Every structure is written in structure tokens, then in C-alpha cells.
Protein backbone atom coordinates (compact mmCIF):
# COMPACT_ATOMS: atom_id res chain seq x y z
CA ILE A 1 129.33 81.14 220.69
CA MET A 2 126.40 82.67 222.62
CA ASP A 3 123.96 80.70 220.46
CA GLU A 4 125.80 77.44 221.08
CA LEU A 5 126.02 78.16 224.80
CA ALA A 6 122.27 78.72 224.99
CA SER A 7 121.62 75.44 223.16
CA VAL A 8 124.00 73.44 225.37
CA THR A 9 122.95 74.91 228.72
CA GLY A 10 119.32 75.62 227.98
CA ASN A 11 119.81 79.14 229.31
CA GLU A 12 117.89 81.32 226.89
CA ASP A 13 119.15 84.48 228.60
CA VAL A 14 122.51 84.07 226.86
CA ARG A 15 121.06 83.52 223.39
CA PRO A 16 122.07 86.45 221.12
CA ASN A 17 119.49 89.05 220.21
CA SER A 18 119.36 91.73 217.52
CA TYR A 19 121.45 94.09 219.66
CA ASN A 20 124.25 91.51 219.89
CA PHE A 21 124.04 90.67 216.18
CA ASN A 22 124.03 94.36 215.19
CA SER A 23 127.05 95.06 217.38
CA VAL A 24 129.08 92.32 215.71
CA ILE A 25 127.96 93.39 212.23
CA SER A 26 128.97 97.00 212.95
CA ALA A 27 132.34 95.81 214.23
CA TRP A 28 132.95 93.93 210.98
CA ALA A 29 131.75 96.91 208.95
CA ASN A 30 134.20 99.22 210.71
CA ASN A 31 136.98 96.67 210.25
CA GLY A 32 136.79 97.34 206.53
CA GLY A 33 139.34 94.76 205.43
CA GLY A 34 139.78 91.18 204.38
CA ASP A 35 136.55 89.23 204.44
CA ALA A 36 134.76 91.62 206.81
CA ALA A 37 131.84 92.29 204.46
CA PHE A 38 131.32 88.59 203.80
CA ARG A 39 131.29 87.90 207.54
CA ALA A 40 128.86 90.76 208.17
CA GLU A 41 126.47 89.47 205.50
CA ASN A 42 126.71 85.92 206.86
CA ILE A 43 125.57 87.19 210.26
CA LEU A 44 122.69 89.03 208.60
CA GLU A 45 121.66 85.85 206.80
CA ARG A 46 121.79 83.98 210.13
CA MET A 47 119.43 86.60 211.62
CA GLU A 48 117.04 86.23 208.68
CA VAL A 49 116.95 82.45 209.09
CA LEU A 50 116.36 82.69 212.84
CA TYR A 51 113.56 85.20 212.36
CA ARG A 52 111.86 83.05 209.70
CA GLN A 53 112.14 79.98 211.91
CA THR A 54 111.09 81.53 215.22
CA GLY A 55 109.24 84.75 214.40
CA GLN A 56 110.92 86.28 217.43
CA GLU A 57 111.17 90.05 217.28
CA ASP A 58 114.44 90.12 219.23
CA VAL A 59 116.35 88.50 216.34
CA LYS A 60 114.58 90.40 213.56
CA PRO A 61 116.97 92.30 211.27
CA ARG A 62 115.88 95.90 210.83
CA THR A 63 116.92 98.83 208.68
CA VAL A 64 119.92 99.60 210.88
CA THR A 65 121.13 96.01 210.47
CA TYR A 66 120.97 96.10 206.69
CA ASN A 67 122.56 99.55 206.60
CA ALA A 68 125.55 98.26 208.56
CA VAL A 69 126.09 95.43 206.08
CA ILE A 70 125.76 97.83 203.14
CA ASP A 71 128.39 99.98 204.85
CA ALA A 72 130.63 96.93 205.19
CA TRP A 73 130.45 96.39 201.42
CA ALA A 74 131.10 100.09 200.80
CA LYS A 75 134.29 99.88 202.85
CA SER A 76 135.35 96.42 201.68
CA GLY A 77 137.48 97.31 198.68
CA GLU A 78 136.02 94.27 196.91
CA LEU A 79 135.66 94.60 193.13
CA ASP A 80 131.96 93.84 193.38
CA GLY A 81 131.45 95.63 196.69
CA ALA A 82 129.23 98.39 195.28
CA HIS A 83 127.20 95.86 193.30
CA ARG A 84 126.72 93.74 196.43
CA ALA A 85 125.69 96.85 198.39
CA GLU A 86 123.07 97.77 195.79
CA LEU A 87 121.76 94.19 195.66
CA LEU A 88 121.25 94.30 199.41
CA LEU A 89 119.39 97.60 199.08
CA GLY A 90 117.11 95.93 196.55
CA HIS A 91 116.57 93.06 198.97
CA MET A 92 115.50 95.53 201.66
CA MET A 93 112.99 97.11 199.31
CA GLU A 94 111.57 93.72 198.38
CA LEU A 95 111.21 92.68 202.02
CA PHE A 96 109.37 95.89 202.82
CA GLU A 97 107.16 95.99 199.74
CA THR A 98 106.08 92.34 200.09
CA GLY A 99 105.41 92.75 203.80
CA HIS A 100 107.89 90.02 204.76
CA ASN A 101 109.78 92.52 206.91
CA VAL A 102 108.27 95.99 207.17
CA ASP A 103 111.07 96.97 209.57
CA ALA A 104 113.62 96.63 206.76
CA LYS A 105 112.36 99.70 204.88
CA PRO A 106 115.33 101.56 203.36
CA ASN A 107 115.93 105.14 204.49
CA VAL A 108 118.09 107.93 203.12
CA ARG A 109 121.11 106.48 204.92
CA SER A 110 120.61 103.16 203.12
CA PHE A 111 120.73 104.89 199.74
CA ASN A 112 123.57 107.26 200.71
CA THR A 113 125.69 104.31 201.78
CA VAL A 114 125.12 102.64 198.41
CA LEU A 115 126.09 105.94 196.74
CA ASN A 116 129.27 105.94 198.82
CA ALA A 117 129.98 102.38 197.73
CA TRP A 118 129.81 103.41 194.07
CA ALA A 119 131.90 106.53 194.72
CA LYS A 120 134.64 104.38 196.27
CA SER A 121 134.34 101.49 193.83
CA GLY A 122 136.75 102.67 191.16
CA VAL A 123 134.67 101.12 188.37
CA PHE A 124 134.58 103.08 185.13
CA ASP A 125 130.85 103.80 185.19
CA ALA A 126 130.60 104.61 188.90
CA PRO A 127 129.22 108.14 188.33
CA VAL A 128 126.48 106.77 186.05
CA ARG A 129 125.57 104.10 188.58
CA ALA A 130 125.49 106.71 191.36
CA LEU A 131 123.24 108.98 189.30
CA LYS A 132 120.81 106.10 188.77
CA VAL A 133 120.62 105.51 192.53
CA LEU A 134 120.04 109.24 193.06
CA SER A 135 117.25 109.23 190.47
CA ARG A 136 115.68 106.22 192.16
CA MET A 137 115.67 108.14 195.45
CA GLU A 138 113.83 111.01 193.79
CA GLU A 139 111.29 108.67 192.19
CA LEU A 140 110.53 106.99 195.51
CA ALA A 141 110.32 110.31 197.35
CA SER A 142 107.74 111.50 194.82
CA SER A 143 105.62 108.43 195.62
CA ASP A 144 105.37 109.12 199.36
CA TRP A 145 108.69 107.60 200.48
CA ASP A 146 109.63 110.90 202.13
CA ASP A 147 112.40 109.31 204.20
CA VAL A 148 114.49 108.60 201.07
CA LEU A 149 114.44 112.13 199.64
CA PRO A 150 118.04 112.93 198.62
CA ASP A 151 119.87 115.30 200.94
CA ALA A 152 123.07 117.32 200.59
CA THR A 153 125.10 114.22 201.48
CA SER A 154 123.48 112.32 198.60
CA PHE A 155 124.51 114.98 196.09
CA ALA A 156 128.00 115.43 197.56
CA THR A 157 128.57 111.67 197.27
CA VAL A 158 127.54 111.64 193.60
CA ILE A 159 129.95 114.52 193.02
CA ASN A 160 132.68 112.48 194.75
CA ALA A 161 131.92 109.62 192.37
CA TYR A 162 132.79 111.98 189.52
CA ALA A 163 135.89 113.30 191.32
CA ARG A 164 137.27 109.77 191.81
CA SER A 165 136.54 108.70 188.23
CA ASN A 166 138.38 109.12 184.94
CA THR A 167 135.30 110.66 183.36
CA PHE A 168 135.98 113.37 180.79
CA GLY A 169 134.32 116.65 181.79
CA LYS A 170 134.07 115.68 185.46
CA ALA A 171 134.29 119.31 186.65
CA ASP A 172 131.29 120.29 184.52
CA SER A 173 129.37 117.16 185.60
CA ALA A 174 130.07 117.85 189.28
CA TYR A 175 129.00 121.47 188.86
CA GLU A 176 125.76 120.36 187.18
CA VAL A 177 124.93 118.09 190.13
CA TYR A 178 125.59 120.96 192.55
CA THR A 179 123.47 123.35 190.47
CA TYR A 180 120.59 120.87 190.34
CA MET A 181 120.69 120.46 194.13
CA LYS A 182 120.77 124.22 194.69
CA GLU A 183 117.79 124.69 192.36
CA MET A 184 115.89 122.06 194.36
CA TYR A 185 116.73 123.88 197.57
CA ASP A 186 115.68 127.26 196.15
CA ALA A 187 112.40 125.75 194.91
CA THR A 188 111.49 123.80 198.04
CA GLY A 189 113.33 125.42 200.93
CA ASN A 190 114.08 121.91 202.23
CA ILE A 191 116.80 122.44 204.84
CA LYS A 192 118.30 119.02 204.06
CA LEU A 193 119.17 120.31 200.58
CA ARG A 194 120.80 123.50 201.80
CA PRO A 195 124.27 123.83 200.25
CA ASN A 196 127.19 123.71 202.66
CA ASN A 197 130.98 123.59 202.66
CA ILE A 198 130.99 119.86 202.00
CA ILE A 199 129.16 120.23 198.68
CA TYR A 200 131.33 123.17 197.58
CA ASN A 201 134.51 121.33 198.55
CA SER A 202 133.35 118.24 196.66
CA VAL A 203 133.00 120.24 193.44
CA LEU A 204 136.43 121.78 194.01
CA ASN A 205 137.85 118.29 194.44
CA ALA A 206 136.40 117.25 191.07
CA CYS A 207 138.06 120.34 189.55
CA ALA A 208 141.39 119.45 191.17
CA PHE A 209 141.46 115.99 189.61
CA THR A 210 140.14 116.94 186.18
CA MET A 211 142.17 115.47 183.34
CA GLY A 212 142.22 116.56 179.73
CA ASP A 213 143.35 119.23 177.32
CA PHE A 214 143.91 122.94 177.92
CA GLU A 215 140.23 123.71 177.41
CA GLU A 216 139.26 121.11 180.01
CA GLN A 217 141.79 122.48 182.49
CA SER A 218 140.64 126.05 181.91
CA ARG A 219 137.03 125.04 182.52
CA ALA A 220 138.02 123.33 185.78
CA ILE A 221 139.75 126.52 186.96
CA GLU A 222 136.73 128.60 185.94
CA ILE A 223 134.39 126.39 187.96
CA ALA A 224 136.78 126.36 190.92
CA ASN A 225 136.90 130.16 190.92
CA SER A 226 133.10 130.27 190.83
CA MET A 227 132.81 127.84 193.75
CA LEU A 228 135.39 129.60 195.93
CA MET A 229 133.93 133.06 195.37
CA GLY A 230 130.39 131.73 195.50
CA LEU A 231 130.88 130.17 198.92
CA ASP A 232 132.61 133.27 200.25
CA GLU A 233 129.67 135.44 199.19
CA SER A 234 126.90 132.96 200.05
CA PRO A 235 124.67 132.68 203.13
CA TYR A 236 125.59 128.97 203.37
CA GLY A 237 128.98 129.30 205.03
CA LYS A 238 132.51 130.51 204.43
CA PRO A 239 135.55 128.82 202.91
CA ASP A 240 137.31 126.56 205.42
CA HIS A 241 140.80 125.05 205.37
CA ILE A 242 139.59 122.21 203.12
CA THR A 243 138.14 124.73 200.67
CA TYR A 244 141.38 126.70 200.48
CA GLY A 245 143.56 123.59 200.42
CA THR A 246 141.53 122.01 197.62
CA TYR A 247 141.51 125.24 195.62
CA LEU A 248 145.32 125.35 195.88
CA LYS A 249 145.37 121.78 194.57
CA VAL A 250 143.24 122.90 191.62
CA ILE A 251 145.77 125.61 190.80
CA ALA A 252 148.72 123.23 191.20
CA ASN A 253 147.16 120.53 189.01
CA GLN A 254 145.53 122.65 186.31
CA MET A 255 148.09 125.45 185.80
CA ASP A 256 151.66 125.14 184.63
CA PRO A 257 154.33 126.69 186.90
CA SER A 258 154.44 130.41 186.21
CA PRO A 259 154.55 133.78 187.99
CA ALA A 260 150.78 133.98 187.49
CA ARG A 261 150.25 130.68 189.32
CA THR A 262 152.51 131.80 192.15
CA GLU A 263 150.63 135.10 192.47
CA ILE A 264 147.25 133.37 192.60
CA ALA A 265 148.49 130.94 195.25
CA ALA A 266 149.93 133.80 197.32
CA ASN A 267 146.69 135.78 197.16
CA VAL A 268 144.62 132.76 198.18
CA PHE A 269 146.98 131.93 201.03
CA GLN A 270 146.90 135.50 202.34
CA LYS A 271 143.09 135.50 202.41
CA CYS A 272 143.13 132.07 204.04
CA ALA A 273 145.46 133.44 206.74
CA ARG A 274 143.21 136.45 207.31
CA ASP A 275 140.30 134.06 207.78
CA GLY A 276 142.28 132.00 210.31
CA MET A 277 141.92 128.93 208.10
CA VAL A 278 145.50 127.79 207.49
CA GLY A 279 145.32 124.07 208.23
CA GLY A 280 147.63 121.21 207.48
CA MET A 281 146.26 120.70 203.98
CA VAL A 282 146.72 124.36 203.07
CA LEU A 283 150.33 124.40 204.21
CA ARG A 284 151.04 121.10 202.46
CA GLN A 285 149.55 122.28 199.17
CA LEU A 286 151.48 125.54 199.37
CA ARG A 287 154.74 123.63 199.90
CA GLU A 288 153.94 121.50 196.86
CA MET A 289 153.22 124.53 194.68
CA GLY A 290 156.86 124.70 193.57
CA MET A 291 157.55 128.24 194.78
CA ALA A 292 161.08 129.51 195.08
CA ASP A 293 162.32 129.45 198.69
CA GLU A 294 162.44 133.25 198.93
CA GLU A 295 158.86 133.53 197.66
CA PHE A 296 157.66 130.93 200.15
CA GLU A 297 159.53 132.50 203.06
CA GLU A 298 158.22 135.98 202.23
CA LEU A 299 154.68 134.59 202.28
CA VAL A 300 154.88 132.22 205.28
CA GLY A 301 157.76 133.69 207.27
CA VAL A 302 159.67 130.39 207.40
CA SER A 303 162.00 128.80 204.85
CA ILE A 304 160.47 125.96 202.89
CA TRP A 305 163.61 123.92 203.65
CA LYS A 306 162.78 123.99 207.35
CA ALA A 307 159.58 122.03 206.65
CA PRO A 308 157.39 124.47 208.58
CA SER A 309 154.48 123.15 210.60
CA LEU A 310 151.34 124.91 211.84
CA SER A 311 153.06 125.62 215.15
CA ASP A 312 155.54 127.87 213.29
CA LEU A 313 152.73 130.14 212.10
CA PRO A 314 150.94 132.98 213.91
CA SER A 315 147.99 131.61 215.87
CA SER A 316 145.67 134.08 214.15
CA TRP A 317 146.32 132.22 210.88
CA THR A 318 145.11 128.88 212.25
CA CYS A 319 142.57 129.84 214.92
CA ASN A 320 139.41 128.87 213.01
CA VAL A 321 140.56 125.49 211.70
CA ILE A 322 138.43 122.48 212.68
CA GLU A 323 140.37 119.32 211.91
CA GLY A 324 138.77 115.89 211.59
CA LYS A 325 135.87 114.73 209.40
CA ARG A 326 133.50 114.05 212.27
CA LEU A 327 134.03 117.45 213.84
CA ARG A 328 133.49 119.21 210.50
CA ARG A 329 130.32 117.22 209.81
CA ARG A 330 128.99 118.17 213.25
CA GLN A 331 129.61 121.82 212.39
CA PHE A 332 127.24 121.64 209.40
CA ARG A 333 124.38 119.72 211.04
């Protein structure tokens, strides 16, 4: 509309610039439904055409523009969304390497968004595709592309690709990715590779959704125990309500109902309460553990049939909970 208005009136002040285009693309990316990704990419293509035709810097698509469109594909839910996201990443690299648009150079966010697209894609080989992107990041970083060196978010997203997949041995695979990242951090001291709650919780999530025989389930529990105790004893942080809630999900999914499972859940909950980390997820997972009402009430102080909420619990049990993804991410920056 702005473009048409400028053409009709001759008023160049109303012609859209890169800020306007980027704002609309971001809006479509955050919409995340329907044909949002297609619309976002159409706007990007319009910017590319305008820049080629006019050479004007104020309509030039830059890294942030391409990243927003990649994000739109990651959130699109389209069957080929991850493939389209990776194709666009390749287009960015070609533009930069050929000199056609040096301001389109991919950064770590570009690659991490493609990783997220594969993690969310649901395709059977998503973990393999994510690992290939991660390896490409390492290759580029070793050839002086320092701004694409994988960070903790990169590794956590690859782990999430395993957690969301039907891959056999996903707990072991997730743990291997975590171990590799920690070894890199120990070797380099790069603060961007420092383990944090997000990476530990991602491995726990892979353990929670492990599928397979008794041996596979036992291995998932073993890794979950290692991650919970490891975080508690580490200099990287302490278990939060997501850690405890996800560990309880591991126990619920990988152990059959038994007095032993109930005892483990009770011990974990009691430590969680002492740490002031009883959040909504913890309480929900405890309710779903299948405890007898008297066992639940003895532990929580409220009957399970009364559907207790956090407001029914002592404030000391919930005082350290930080709800919301954005707030938690800010905590670990």
C-alpha cells in the first residue's frame, strides 16, 4: 500500500524502507500460522528485487531480514518448513560469498533458527539434519567465521531435535551432544558454551520421552539421575522447577507404578520444596504420578481430589520459581 501510494502521489517519503519491510516480515513470522511464512518470503523477494533494481540501501535486505523469514518457516508447521529454512540459509551464504549482498552474512542466530526448524519439523531424520547443520557451523567457525561458532543454544536445540524424534537411543544421543559441548567448554573456556539449566533440562526431556525396552528405559533413568545430580553439584547453576518437573516426568514415563517409584518421586519433591522450586509443572507431574490420595496429601498437605494449586502450598516451597520462557532465558544470559 505504501509503495503504491508513493507511486501514485509521487511522494517518496511514504515509500517503504527496510525498517517497514522488516516490521511486516517479523509480524508474519510471529503469526506462525496459515500462509505466514509464504507471505514473509514474498516480502523478502520484493525487497531483493527492489534492491537489484534501484541499488538503494534503504530497501536492502540484511541478515536480520533473512533471519526473520527463516524464523517464519521454523514456526510455520509446513511439512517442508525446515527444508525451506535451510535453503534460505544457503541463499544467505551464497549472497555473502559472491559479494552480491555482504550484509546478508549468516550469524549464529541464522543457524540456530534453522536448527530450531529441524527440531520442530517432526521429520524422521530431524536429529541427523540438525547435527549436519551443527557440524557446518563448526566448519565455518574454524575458517574464520567466528560469528557462527555454535553456542549453548545450538547444542540444546540439537538435543531437542532428539527429544522430539522417535529415534532409538535418544537419551544416549542427547547425552553425547551435551558431553561434547561440555568438553568444548572445558577446552576453550568460551563462555557461550558454558552449560546451563537449559542444556541440562533438554537432556532430561530426551530421557523423559525415550521409548524402547527395559534396557532403554533403565539407561534413560541412569542419564536423568546423572543430569539432576550433576547440575545440583555443578558451578553452572542449580535445578529449577523445569528440572524437577522434567525429572518427575522421566520417573513417570520410564518406571512402572511401584512403591519404589513413589518413594523416588517423594524424595525429589521434598528437595524441590526445600529449594523453593515447586512450580506448576512440578505439581502437575506429581499429580499425574498415580500416588494414592493419602500418600499425596501426606507429601503436599492437600488432598489430590481438591486439585491443589500453587496458592495452596507454603510460599517457601515456591519462592524461587521463575515462570515464563523469556524470563528464564534472561536469567541465564
